[in-house]
Amino acid sequence: METYFEELPIAITISDRDGNILDMNQRSADVNSHGEKIIGRNLYDCHPPRAAEILRSLYAEERKNVYTIEKNGIKKLIYQVPWYDHGNFAGLMELSMEIPQEMPHYIRQPKQE
């Protein structure tokens, strides 16, 4: 993984079109596999059946999945999104980041010309 991804306070995991983990930054390894980078393993083997079924549908439909979780009092945004290589579906990328329990929400209006 590019070194600048190692410095981000975000867990990043990249998988191929078959669900094999291609790359992950250290934060992802710390969160998802007790510090061990599990590059080459399959995502389906790393998730319980319900989560694996959701992943299968994301791959089949090439769609994103966005949700929040809370564990040990820490709330996170999970953003799973397809990525493409020269226009061809190449797999999924997952970003996981800590977010505040409560956070402001702003509605921005387009600038009037």
PDB file of N, CA and C in Angstrom:
ATOM      1  N   MET A   1       0.855  -1.171   0.000  1.00  0.00           N
ATOM      2  CA  MET A   1       0.000   0.000   0.000  1.00  0.00           C
ATOM      3  C   MET A   1       0.896   1.227   0.000  1.00  0.00           C
ATOM      4  N   GLU A   2       0.431   2.259  -0.627  1.00  0.00           N
ATOM      5  CA  GLU A   2       1.191   3.505  -0.663  1.00  0.00           C
ATOM      6  C   GLU A   2       1.467   3.968   0.767  1.00  0.00           C
ATOM      7  N   THR A   3       2.646   4.495   1.007  1.00  0.00           N
ATOM      8  CA  THR A   3       3.030   4.861   2.365  1.00  0.00           C
ATOM      9  C   THR A   3       2.132   5.940   2.958  1.00  0.00           C
ATOM     10  N   TYR A   4       1.576   6.829   2.136  1.00  0.00           N
ATOM     11  CA  TYR A   4       0.725   7.872   2.718  1.00  0.00           C
ATOM     12  C   TYR A   4      -0.565   7.311   3.288  1.00  0.00           C
ATOM     13  N   PHE A   5      -0.989   6.120   2.870  1.00  0.00           N
ATOM     14  CA  PHE A   5      -2.161   5.495   3.467  1.00  0.00           C
ATOM     15  C   PHE A   5      -1.860   4.980   4.873  1.00  0.00           C
ATOM     16  N   GLU A   6      -0.602   4.693   5.152  1.00  0.00           N
ATOM     17  CA  GLU A   6      -0.228   4.214   6.480  1.00  0.00           C
ATOM     18  C   GLU A   6      -0.387   5.300   7.533  1.00  0.00           C
ATOM     19  N   GLU A   7      -0.273   6.546   7.139  1.00  0.00           N
ATOM     20  CA  GLU A   7      -0.354   7.657   8.085  1.00  0.00           C
ATOM     21  C   GLU A   7      -1.784   8.114   8.348  1.00  0.00           C
ATOM     22  N   LEU A   8      -2.739   7.699   7.525  1.00  0.00           N
ATOM     23  CA  LEU A   8      -4.120   8.113   7.724  1.00  0.00           C
ATOM     24  C   LEU A   8      -4.748   7.410   8.923  1.00  0.00           C
ATOM     25  N   PRO A   9      -5.604   8.106   9.667  1.00  0.00           N
ATOM     26  CA  PRO A   9      -6.295   7.467  10.792  1.00  0.00           C
ATOM     27  C   PRO A   9      -7.545   6.722  10.329  1.00  0.00           C
ATOM     28  N   ILE A  10      -7.415   6.000   9.228  1.00  0.00           N
ATOM     29  CA  ILE A  10      -8.519   5.267   8.602  1.00  0.00           C
ATOM     30  C   ILE A  10      -8.024   3.868   8.265  1.00  0.00           C
ATOM     31  N   ALA A  11      -8.855   2.861   8.513  1.00  0.00           N
ATOM     32  CA  ALA A  11      -8.517   1.501   8.093  1.00  0.00           C
ATOM     33  C   ALA A  11      -8.924   1.341   6.633  1.00  0.00           C
ATOM     34  N   ILE A  12      -8.002   0.898   5.794  1.00  0.00           N
ATOM     35  CA  ILE A  12      -8.252   0.731   4.366  1.00  0.00           C
ATOM     36  C   ILE A  12      -7.937  -0.710   3.978  1.00  0.00           C
ATOM     37  N   THR A  13      -8.923  -1.366   3.356  1.00  0.00           N
ATOM     38  CA  THR A  13      -8.740  -2.733   2.874  1.00  0.00           C
ATOM     39  C   THR A  13      -9.186  -2.786   1.422  1.00  0.00           C
ATOM     40  N   ILE A  14      -8.363  -3.363   0.562  1.00  0.00           N
ATOM     41  CA  ILE A  14      -8.679  -3.461  -0.857  1.00  0.00           C
ATOM     42  C   ILE A  14      -8.712  -4.937  -1.243  1.00  0.00           C
ATOM     43  N   SER A  15      -9.799  -5.331  -1.910  1.00  0.00           N
ATOM     44  CA  SER A  15      -9.930  -6.724  -2.346  1.00  0.00           C
ATOM     45  C   SER A  15     -10.177  -6.787  -3.846  1.00  0.00           C
ATOM     46  N   ASP A  16      -9.890  -7.950  -4.420  1.00  0.00           N
ATOM     47  CA  ASP A  16     -10.110  -8.131  -5.857  1.00  0.00           C
ATOM     48  C   ASP A  16     -11.539  -8.600  -6.117  1.00  0.00           C
ATOM     49  N   ARG A  17     -11.849  -8.862  -7.366  1.00  0.00           N
ATOM     50  CA  ARG A  17     -13.215  -9.217  -7.769  1.00  0.00           C
ATOM     51  C   ARG A  17     -13.669 -10.567  -7.225  1.00  0.00           C
ATOM     52  N   ASP A  18     -12.741 -11.381  -6.698  1.00  0.00           N
ATOM     53  CA  ASP A  18     -13.082 -12.668  -6.100  1.00  0.00           C
ATOM     54  C   ASP A  18     -13.106 -12.621  -4.573  1.00  0.00           C
ATOM     55  N   GLY A  19     -12.873 -11.443  -4.010  1.00  0.00           N
ATOM     56  CA  GLY A  19     -12.902 -11.293  -2.562  1.00  0.00           C
ATOM     57  C   GLY A  19     -11.572 -11.529  -1.873  1.00  0.00           C
ATOM     58  N   ASN A  20     -10.499 -11.675  -2.642  1.00  0.00           N
ATOM     59  CA  ASN A  20      -9.171 -11.864  -2.057  1.00  0.00           C
ATOM     60  C   ASN A  20      -8.584 -10.509  -1.659  1.00  0.00           C
ATOM     61  N   ILE A  21      -8.016 -10.433  -0.482  1.00  0.00           N
ATOM     62  CA  ILE A  21      -7.448  -9.176   0.004  1.00  0.00           C
ATOM     63  C   ILE A  21      -6.153  -8.900  -0.747  1.00  0.00           C
ATOM     64  N   LEU A  22      -6.138  -7.771  -1.445  1.00  0.00           N
ATOM     65  CA  LEU A  22      -4.963  -7.364  -2.221  1.00  0.00           C
ATOM     66  C   LEU A  22      -4.003  -6.532  -1.390  1.00  0.00           C
ATOM     67  N   ASP A  23      -4.566  -5.688  -0.523  1.00  0.00           N
ATOM     68  CA  ASP A  23      -3.723  -4.795   0.259  1.00  0.00           C
ATOM     69  C   ASP A  23      -4.524  -4.270   1.442  1.00  0.00           C
ATOM     70  N   MET A  24      -3.809  -3.843   2.455  1.00  0.00           N
ATOM     71  CA  MET A  24      -4.433  -3.232   3.625  1.00  0.00           C
ATOM     72  C   MET A  24      -3.375  -2.410   4.337  1.00  0.00           C
ATOM     73  N   ASN A  25      -3.802  -1.309   4.927  1.00  0.00           N
ATOM     74  CA  ASN A  25      -2.832  -0.547   5.700  1.00  0.00           C
ATOM     75  C   ASN A  25      -2.750  -1.142   7.105  1.00  0.00           C
ATOM     76  N   GLN A  26      -1.797  -0.656   7.890  1.00  0.00           N
ATOM     77  CA  GLN A  26      -1.571  -1.251   9.216  1.00  0.00           C
ATOM     78  C   GLN A  26      -2.782  -1.058  10.125  1.00  0.00           C
ATOM     79  N   ARG A  27      -3.463   0.071  10.001  1.00  0.00           N
ATOM     80  CA  ARG A  27      -4.658   0.301  10.833  1.00  0.00           C
ATOM     81  C   ARG A  27      -5.711  -0.764  10.546  1.00  0.00           C
ATOM     82  N   SER A  28      -5.887  -1.129   9.282  1.00  0.00           N
ATOM     83  CA  SER A  28      -6.830  -2.196   8.935  1.00  0.00           C
ATOM     84  C   SER A  28      -6.382  -3.524   9.539  1.00  0.00           C
ATOM     85  N   ALA A  29      -5.085  -3.809   9.464  1.00  0.00           N
ATOM     86  CA  ALA A  29      -4.566  -5.049  10.060  1.00  0.00           C
ATOM     87  C   ALA A  29      -4.812  -5.059  11.561  1.00  0.00           C
ATOM     88  N   ASP A  30      -4.597  -3.926  12.224  1.00  0.00           N
ATOM     89  CA  ASP A  30      -4.802  -3.843  13.668  1.00  0.00           C
ATOM     90  C   ASP A  30      -6.260  -4.083  14.044  1.00  0.00           C
ATOM     91  N   VAL A  31      -7.171  -3.522  13.261  1.00  0.00           N
ATOM     92  CA  VAL A  31      -8.601  -3.617  13.556  1.00  0.00           C
ATOM     93  C   VAL A  31      -9.170  -4.973  13.149  1.00  0.00           C
ATOM     94  N   ASN A  32      -8.743  -5.494  12.013  1.00  0.00           N
ATOM     95  CA  ASN A  32      -9.389  -6.671  11.435  1.00  0.00           C
ATOM     96  C   ASN A  32      -8.683  -7.999  11.679  1.00  0.00           C
ATOM     97  N   SER A  33      -7.410  -7.968  12.026  1.00  0.00           N
ATOM     98  CA  SER A  33      -6.710  -9.250  12.157  1.00  0.00           C
ATOM     99  C   SER A  33      -5.611  -9.202  13.215  1.00  0.00           C
ATOM    100  N   HIS A  34      -5.871  -8.466  14.292  1.00  0.00           N
ATOM    101  CA  HIS A  34      -4.959  -8.429  15.439  1.00  0.00           C
ATOM    102  C   HIS A  34      -3.538  -8.056  15.045  1.00  0.00           C
ATOM    103  N   GLY A  35      -3.411  -7.163  14.066  1.00  0.00           N
ATOM    104  CA  GLY A  35      -2.101  -6.650  13.669  1.00  0.00           C
ATOM    105  C   GLY A  35      -1.442  -7.365  12.522  1.00  0.00           C
ATOM    106  N   GLU A  36      -1.969  -8.526  12.152  1.00  0.00           N
ATOM    107  CA  GLU A  36      -1.366  -9.295  11.053  1.00  0.00           C
ATOM    108  C   GLU A  36      -1.992  -8.884   9.728  1.00  0.00           C
ATOM    109  N   LYS A  37      -1.170  -8.522   8.794  1.00  0.00           N
ATOM    110  CA  LYS A  37      -1.689  -8.216   7.461  1.00  0.00           C
ATOM    111  C   LYS A  37      -2.051  -9.542   6.792  1.00  0.00           C
ATOM    112  N   ILE A  38      -3.318  -9.678   6.455  1.00  0.00           N
ATOM    113  CA  ILE A  38      -3.831 -10.948   5.929  1.00  0.00           C
ATOM    114  C   ILE A  38      -4.025 -10.874   4.411  1.00  0.00           C
ATOM    115  N   ILE A  39      -3.080 -10.231   3.759  1.00  0.00           N
ATOM    116  CA  ILE A  39      -3.114 -10.108   2.302  1.00  0.00           C
ATOM    117  C   ILE A  39      -3.078 -11.507   1.692  1.00  0.00           C
ATOM    118  N   GLY A  40      -3.961 -11.743   0.725  1.00  0.00           N
ATOM    119  CA  GLY A  40      -4.059 -13.038   0.071  1.00  0.00           C
ATOM    120  C   GLY A  40      -5.212 -13.878   0.595  1.00  0.00           C
ATOM    121  N   ARG A  41      -5.687 -13.584   1.802  1.00  0.00           N
ATOM    122  CA  ARG A  41      -6.830 -14.326   2.343  1.00  0.00           C
ATOM    123  C   ARG A  41      -8.110 -13.824   1.702  1.00  0.00           C
ATOM    124  N   ASN A  42      -9.155 -14.634   1.784  1.00  0.00           N
ATOM    125  CA  ASN A  42     -10.433 -14.278   1.188  1.00  0.00           C
ATOM    126  C   ASN A  42     -11.353 -13.656   2.234  1.00  0.00           C
ATOM    127  N   LEU A  43     -12.012 -12.570   1.852  1.00  0.00           N
ATOM    128  CA  LEU A  43     -12.914 -11.870   2.761  1.00  0.00           C
ATOM    129  C   LEU A  43     -14.028 -12.776   3.289  1.00  0.00           C
ATOM    130  N   TYR A  44     -14.507 -13.674   2.451  1.00  0.00           N
ATOM    131  CA  TYR A  44     -15.610 -14.541   2.873  1.00  0.00           C
ATOM    132  C   TYR A  44     -15.203 -15.426   4.045  1.00  0.00           C
ATOM    133  N   ASP A  45     -13.931 -15.787   4.118  1.00  0.00           N
ATOM    134  CA  ASP A  45     -13.440 -16.620   5.210  1.00  0.00           C
ATOM    135  C   ASP A  45     -13.242 -15.824   6.500  1.00  0.00           C
ATOM    136  N   CYS A  46     -13.237 -14.490   6.386  1.00  0.00           N
ATOM    137  CA  CYS A  46     -12.964 -13.624   7.531  1.00  0.00           C
ATOM    138  C   CYS A  46     -14.234 -13.049   8.150  1.00  0.00           C
ATOM    139  N   HIS A  47     -15.390 -13.421   7.612  1.00  0.00           N
ATOM    140  CA  HIS A  47     -16.658 -12.846   8.071  1.00  0.00           C
ATOM    141  C   HIS A  47     -17.653 -13.941   8.435  1.00  0.00           C
ATOM    142  N   PRO A  48     -18.556 -13.635   9.367  1.00  0.00           N
ATOM    143  CA  PRO A  48     -19.626 -14.595   9.668  1.00  0.00           C
ATOM    144  C   PRO A  48     -20.559 -14.732   8.471  1.00  0.00           C
ATOM    145  N   PRO A  49     -21.371 -15.784   8.423  1.00  0.00           N
ATOM    146  CA  PRO A  49     -22.219 -16.052   7.252  1.00  0.00           C
ATOM    147  C   PRO A  49     -23.080 -14.871   6.794  1.00  0.00           C
ATOM    148  N   ARG A  50     -23.720 -14.161   7.708  1.00  0.00           N
ATOM    149  CA  ARG A  50     -24.582 -13.041   7.298  1.00  0.00           C
ATOM    150  C   ARG A  50     -23.771 -11.948   6.593  1.00  0.00           C
ATOM    151  N   ALA A  51     -22.630 -11.588   7.162  1.00  0.00           N
ATOM    152  CA  ALA A  51     -21.780 -10.564   6.557  1.00  0.00           C
ATOM    153  C   ALA A  51     -21.214 -11.041   5.224  1.00  0.00           C
ATOM    154  N   ALA A  52     -20.845 -12.313   5.136  1.00  0.00           N
ATOM    155  CA  ALA A  52     -20.323 -12.864   3.879  1.00  0.00           C
ATOM    156  C   ALA A  52     -21.393 -12.804   2.795  1.00  0.00           C
ATOM    157  N   GLU A  53     -22.640 -13.050   3.162  1.00  0.00           N
ATOM    158  CA  GLU A  53     -23.734 -12.976   2.183  1.00  0.00           C
ATOM    159  C   GLU A  53     -23.930 -11.547   1.686  1.00  0.00           C
ATOM    160  N   ILE A  54     -23.818 -10.580   2.579  1.00  0.00           N
ATOM    161  CA  ILE A  54     -23.898  -9.167   2.167  1.00  0.00           C
ATOM    162  C   ILE A  54     -22.758  -8.847   1.207  1.00  0.00           C
ATOM    163  N   LEU A  55     -21.557  -9.302   1.536  1.00  0.00           N
ATOM    164  CA  LEU A  55     -20.415  -9.066   0.648  1.00  0.00           C
ATOM    165  C   LEU A  55     -20.649  -9.676  -0.732  1.00  0.00           C
ATOM    166  N   ARG A  56     -21.187 -10.898  -0.763  1.00  0.00           N
ATOM    167  CA  ARG A  56     -21.463 -11.543  -2.056  1.00  0.00           C
ATOM    168  C   ARG A  56     -22.405 -10.688  -2.905  1.00  0.00           C
ATOM    169  N   SER A  57     -23.419 -10.097  -2.266  1.00  0.00           N
ATOM    170  CA  SER A  57     -24.353  -9.267  -3.025  1.00  0.00           C
ATOM    171  C   SER A  57     -23.678  -7.986  -3.509  1.00  0.00           C
ATOM    172  N   LEU A  58     -22.760  -7.425  -2.719  1.00  0.00           N
ATOM    173  CA  LEU A  58     -22.034  -6.229  -3.150  1.00  0.00           C
ATOM    174  C   LEU A  58     -21.202  -6.523  -4.389  1.00  0.00           C
ATOM    175  N   TYR A  59     -20.551  -7.677  -4.392  1.00  0.00           N
ATOM    176  CA  TYR A  59     -19.751  -8.074  -5.554  1.00  0.00           C
ATOM    177  C   TYR A  59     -20.642  -8.343  -6.768  1.00  0.00           C
ATOM    178  N   ALA A  60     -21.717  -9.075  -6.565  1.00  0.00           N
ATOM    179  CA  ALA A  60     -22.593  -9.444  -7.683  1.00  0.00           C
ATOM    180  C   ALA A  60     -23.247  -8.220  -8.316  1.00  0.00           C
ATOM    181  N   GLU A  61     -23.601  -7.239  -7.479  1.00  0.00           N
ATOM    182  CA  GLU A  61     -24.318  -6.059  -7.972  1.00  0.00           C
ATOM    183  C   GLU A  61     -23.407  -4.858  -8.189  1.00  0.00           C
ATOM    184  N   GLU A  62     -22.124  -5.004  -7.862  1.00  0.00           N
ATOM    185  CA  GLU A  62     -21.151  -3.909  -7.977  1.00  0.00           C
ATOM    186  C   GLU A  62     -21.706  -2.636  -7.345  1.00  0.00           C
ATOM    187  N   ARG A  63     -22.114  -2.749  -6.099  1.00  0.00           N
ATOM    188  CA  ARG A  63     -22.715  -1.596  -5.426  1.00  0.00           C
ATOM    189  C   ARG A  63     -21.990  -1.281  -4.118  1.00  0.00           C
ATOM    190  N   LYS A  64     -22.248  -0.081  -3.621  1.00  0.00           N
ATOM    191  CA  LYS A  64     -21.632   0.331  -2.368  1.00  0.00           C
ATOM    192  C   LYS A  64     -22.532  -0.016  -1.193  1.00  0.00           C
ATOM    193  N   ASN A  65     -21.933  -0.020  -0.025  1.00  0.00           N
ATOM    194  CA  ASN A  65     -22.618  -0.304   1.223  1.00  0.00           C
ATOM    195  C   ASN A  65     -22.039   0.644   2.266  1.00  0.00           C
ATOM    196  N   VAL A  66     -22.900   1.449   2.878  1.00  0.00           N
ATOM    197  CA  VAL A  66     -22.442   2.443   3.842  1.00  0.00           C
ATOM    198  C   VAL A  66     -23.281   2.300   5.112  1.00  0.00           C
ATOM    199  N   TYR A  67     -22.603   2.212   6.260  1.00  0.00           N
ATOM    200  CA  TYR A  67     -23.319   2.080   7.522  1.00  0.00           C
ATOM    201  C   TYR A  67     -22.395   2.488   8.671  1.00  0.00           C
ATOM    202  N   THR A  68     -22.973   2.587   9.865  1.00  0.00           N
ATOM    203  CA  THR A  68     -22.170   2.870  11.045  1.00  0.00           C
ATOM    204  C   THR A  68     -22.258   1.683  12.000  1.00  0.00           C
ATOM    205  N   ILE A  69     -21.223   1.540  12.817  1.00  0.00           N
ATOM    206  CA  ILE A  69     -21.196   0.517  13.860  1.00  0.00           C
ATOM    207  C   ILE A  69     -20.715   1.177  15.149  1.00  0.00           C
ATOM    208  N   GLU A  70     -20.938   0.523  16.252  1.00  0.00           N
ATOM    209  CA  GLU A  70     -20.357   0.952  17.512  1.00  0.00           C
ATOM    210  C   GLU A  70     -19.838  -0.281  18.237  1.00  0.00           C
ATOM    211  N   LYS A  71     -18.606  -0.190  18.704  1.00  0.00           N
ATOM    212  CA  LYS A  71     -17.989  -1.282  19.439  1.00  0.00           C
ATOM    213  C   LYS A  71     -17.099  -0.683  20.515  1.00  0.00           C
ATOM    214  N   ASN A  72     -17.262  -1.144  21.735  1.00  0.00           N
ATOM    215  CA  ASN A  72     -16.480  -0.634  22.868  1.00  0.00           C
ATOM    216  C   ASN A  72     -16.576   0.884  22.994  1.00  0.00           C
ATOM    217  N   GLY A  73     -17.769   1.423  22.717  1.00  0.00           N
ATOM    218  CA  GLY A  73     -17.987   2.863  22.852  1.00  0.00           C
ATOM    219  C   GLY A  73     -17.416   3.701  21.734  1.00  0.00           C
ATOM    220  N   ILE A  74     -16.880   3.066  20.700  1.00  0.00           N
ATOM    221  CA  ILE A  74     -16.313   3.794  19.558  1.00  0.00           C
ATOM    222  C   ILE A  74     -17.232   3.603  18.364  1.00  0.00           C
ATOM    223  N   LYS A  75     -17.684   4.707  17.807  1.00  0.00           N
ATOM    224  CA  LYS A  75     -18.570   4.682  16.647  1.00  0.00           C
ATOM    225  C   LYS A  75     -17.727   4.837  15.387  1.00  0.00           C
ATOM    226  N   LYS A  76     -18.054   4.051  14.367  1.00  0.00           N
ATOM    227  CA  LYS A  76     -17.301   4.095  13.112  1.00  0.00           C
ATOM    228  C   LYS A  76     -18.244   4.164  11.921  1.00  0.00           C
ATOM    229  N   LEU A  77     -17.766   4.811  10.889  1.00  0.00           N
ATOM    230  CA  LEU A  77     -18.412   4.807   9.584  1.00  0.00           C
ATOM    231  C   LEU A  77     -17.694   3.761   8.741  1.00  0.00           C
ATOM    232  N   ILE A  78     -18.464   2.851   8.162  1.00  0.00           N
ATOM    233  CA  ILE A  78     -17.924   1.841   7.251  1.00  0.00           C
ATOM    234  C   ILE A  78     -18.412   2.189   5.852  1.00  0.00           C
ATOM    235  N   TYR A  79     -17.486   2.322   4.931  1.00  0.00           N
ATOM    236  CA  TYR A  79     -17.806   2.706   3.559  1.00  0.00           C
ATOM    237  C   TYR A  79     -17.174   1.670   2.640  1.00  0.00           C
ATOM    238  N   GLN A  80     -17.993   0.805   2.080  1.00  0.00           N
ATOM    239  CA  GLN A  80     -17.528  -0.238   1.158  1.00  0.00           C
ATOM    240  C   GLN A  80     -17.982   0.160  -0.241  1.00  0.00           C
ATOM    241  N   VAL A  81     -17.049   0.245  -1.153  1.00  0.00           N
ATOM    242  CA  VAL A  81     -17.361   0.769  -2.481  1.00  0.00           C
ATOM    243  C   VAL A  81     -16.606  -0.015  -3.557  1.00  0.00           C
ATOM    244  N   PRO A  82     -17.259  -0.246  -4.712  1.00  0.00           N
ATOM    245  CA  PRO A  82     -16.555  -0.906  -5.810  1.00  0.00           C
ATOM    246  C   PRO A  82     -15.419  -0.022  -6.325  1.00  0.00           C
ATOM    247  N   TRP A  83     -14.386  -0.654  -6.806  1.00  0.00           N
ATOM    248  CA  TRP A  83     -13.353   0.086  -7.524  1.00  0.00           C
ATOM    249  C   TRP A  83     -13.179  -0.562  -8.894  1.00  0.00           C
ATOM    250  N   TYR A  84     -12.696   0.222  -9.824  1.00  0.00           N
ATOM    251  CA  TYR A  84     -12.627  -0.209 -11.216  1.00  0.00           C
ATOM    252  C   TYR A  84     -11.226  -0.003 -11.765  1.00  0.00           C
ATOM    253  N   ASP A  85     -10.832  -0.890 -12.661  1.00  0.00           N
ATOM    254  CA  ASP A  85      -9.551  -0.807 -13.340  1.00  0.00           C
ATOM    255  C   ASP A  85      -9.841  -0.684 -14.827  1.00  0.00           C
ATOM    256  N   HIS A  86      -9.576   0.488 -15.375  1.00  0.00           N
ATOM    257  CA  HIS A  86      -9.862   0.775 -16.786  1.00  0.00           C
ATOM    258  C   HIS A  86     -11.320   0.466 -17.121  1.00  0.00           C
ATOM    259  N   GLY A  87     -12.229   0.847 -16.226  1.00  0.00           N
ATOM    260  CA  GLY A  87     -13.659   0.670 -16.461  1.00  0.00           C
ATOM    261  C   GLY A  87     -14.207  -0.700 -16.113  1.00  0.00           C
ATOM    262  N   ASN A  88     -13.348  -1.642 -15.726  1.00  0.00           N
ATOM    263  CA  ASN A  88     -13.789  -2.993 -15.384  1.00  0.00           C
ATOM    264  C   ASN A  88     -13.826  -3.169 -13.868  1.00  0.00           C
ATOM    265  N   PHE A  89     -14.912  -3.756 -13.384  1.00  0.00           N
ATOM    266  CA  PHE A  89     -15.035  -4.018 -11.953  1.00  0.00           C
ATOM    267  C   PHE A  89     -13.836  -4.824 -11.477  1.00  0.00           C
ATOM    268  N   ALA A  90     -13.160  -4.315 -10.437  1.00  0.00           N
ATOM    269  CA  ALA A  90     -11.940  -4.956  -9.971  1.00  0.00           C
ATOM    270  C   ALA A  90     -12.046  -5.465  -8.536  1.00  0.00           C
ATOM    271  N   GLY A  91     -13.087  -5.061  -7.801  1.00  0.00           N
ATOM    272  CA  GLY A  91     -13.243  -5.513  -6.425  1.00  0.00           C
ATOM    273  C   GLY A  91     -13.880  -4.455  -5.559  1.00  0.00           C
ATOM    274  N   LEU A  92     -13.653  -4.577  -4.268  1.00  0.00           N
ATOM    275  CA  LEU A  92     -14.193  -3.623  -3.306  1.00  0.00           C
ATOM    276  C   LEU A  92     -13.069  -2.982  -2.511  1.00  0.00           C
ATOM    277  N   MET A  93     -13.317  -1.750  -2.109  1.00  0.00           N
ATOM    278  CA  MET A  93     -12.431  -1.047  -1.201  1.00  0.00           C
ATOM    279  C   MET A  93     -13.265  -0.689   0.019  1.00  0.00           C
ATOM    280  N   GLU A  94     -12.721  -0.959   1.215  1.00  0.00           N
ATOM    281  CA  GLU A  94     -13.427  -0.609   2.440  1.00  0.00           C
ATOM    282  C   GLU A  94     -12.625   0.415   3.212  1.00  0.00           C
ATOM    283  N   LEU A  95     -13.305   1.488   3.597  1.00  0.00           N
ATOM    284  CA  LEU A  95     -12.732   2.505   4.468  1.00  0.00           C
ATOM    285  C   LEU A  95     -13.499   2.446   5.780  1.00  0.00           C
ATOM    286  N   SER A  96     -12.796   2.413   6.883  1.00  0.00           N
ATOM    287  CA  SER A  96     -13.411   2.382   8.206  1.00  0.00           C
ATOM    288  C   SER A  96     -12.781   3.492   9.029  1.00  0.00           C
ATOM    289  N   MET A  97     -13.606   4.416   9.519  1.00  0.00           N
ATOM    290  CA  MET A  97     -13.065   5.543  10.269  1.00  0.00           C
ATOM    291  C   MET A  97     -13.892   5.830  11.502  1.00  0.00           C
ATOM    292  N   GLU A  98     -13.213   6.200  12.585  1.00  0.00           N
ATOM    293  CA  GLU A  98     -13.904   6.587  13.804  1.00  0.00           C
ATOM    294  C   GLU A  98     -14.598   7.921  13.575  1.00  0.00           C
ATOM    295  N   ILE A  99     -15.823   8.016  14.108  1.00  0.00           N
ATOM    296  CA  ILE A  99     -16.581   9.261  14.027  1.00  0.00           C
ATOM    297  C   ILE A  99     -17.142   9.574  15.415  1.00  0.00           C
ATOM    298  N   PRO A 100     -17.466  10.837  15.683  1.00  0.00           N
ATOM    299  CA  PRO A 100     -18.039  11.182  16.984  1.00  0.00           C
ATOM    300  C   PRO A 100     -19.425  10.552  17.167  1.00  0.00           C
ATOM    301  N   GLN A 101     -19.809  10.330  18.431  1.00  0.00           N
ATOM    302  CA  GLN A 101     -21.140   9.800  18.713  1.00  0.00           C
ATOM    303  C   GLN A 101     -22.207  10.728  18.140  1.00  0.00           C
ATOM    304  N   GLU A 102     -22.039  11.999  18.331  1.00  0.00           N
ATOM    305  CA  GLU A 102     -22.934  13.009  17.759  1.00  0.00           C
ATOM    306  C   GLU A 102     -22.079  13.924  16.904  1.00  0.00           C
ATOM    307  N   MET A 103     -22.591  14.243  15.733  1.00  0.00           N
ATOM    308  CA  MET A 103     -21.820  15.127  14.876  1.00  0.00           C
ATOM    309  C   MET A 103     -22.763  16.048  14.117  1.00  0.00           C
ATOM    310  N   PRO A 104     -22.300  17.235  13.795  1.00  0.00           N
ATOM    311  CA  PRO A 104     -23.161  18.169  13.066  1.00  0.00           C
ATOM    312  C   PRO A 104     -23.426  17.683  11.646  1.00  0.00           C
ATOM    313  N   HIS A 105     -24.552  18.084  11.135  1.00  0.00           N
ATOM    314  CA  HIS A 105     -24.919  17.768   9.757  1.00  0.00           C
ATOM    315  C   HIS A 105     -25.315  19.083   9.097  1.00  0.00           C
ATOM    316  N   TYR A 106     -24.704  19.406   7.992  1.00  0.00           N
ATOM    317  CA  TYR A 106     -24.957  20.666   7.297  1.00  0.00           C
ATOM    318  C   TYR A 106     -25.570  20.385   5.938  1.00  0.00           C
ATOM    319  N   ILE A 107     -26.520  21.197   5.581  1.00  0.00           N
ATOM    320  CA  ILE A 107     -27.104  21.124   4.236  1.00  0.00           C
ATOM    321  C   ILE A 107     -26.583  22.323   3.474  1.00  0.00           C
ATOM    322  N   ARG A 108     -25.865  22.029   2.436  1.00  0.00           N
ATOM    323  CA  ARG A 108     -25.261  23.089   1.616  1.00  0.00           C
ATOM    324  C   ARG A 108     -26.131  23.320   0.386  1.00  0.00           C
ATOM    325  N   GLN A 109     -26.388  24.561   0.131  1.00  0.00           N
ATOM    326  CA  GLN A 109     -27.167  24.931  -1.039  1.00  0.00           C
ATOM    327  C   GLN A 109     -26.201  25.328  -2.154  1.00  0.00           C
ATOM    328  N   PRO A 110     -26.550  25.017  -3.396  1.00  0.00           N
ATOM    329  CA  PRO A 110     -25.694  25.457  -4.508  1.00  0.00           C
ATOM    330  C   PRO A 110     -25.588  26.978  -4.530  1.00  0.00           C
ATOM    331  N   LYS A 111     -24.441  27.465  -4.909  1.00  0.00           N
ATOM    332  CA  LYS A 111     -24.228  28.904  -4.992  1.00  0.00           C
ATOM    333  C   LYS A 111     -25.110  29.479  -6.089  1.00  0.00           C
ATOM    334  N   GLN A 112     -25.835  30.528  -5.744  1.00  0.00           N
ATOM    335  CA  GLN A 112     -26.694  31.199  -6.735  1.00  0.00           C
ATOM    336  C   GLN A 112     -25.842  32.096  -7.603  1.00  0.00           C
ATOM    337  N   GLU A 113     -26.073  31.989  -8.901  1.00  0.00           N
ATOM    338  CA  GLU A 113     -25.288  32.842  -9.833  1.00  0.00           C
ATOM    339  C   GLU A 113     -26.107  34.001 -10.291  1.00  0.00           C
TER     340      GLU A 113
END
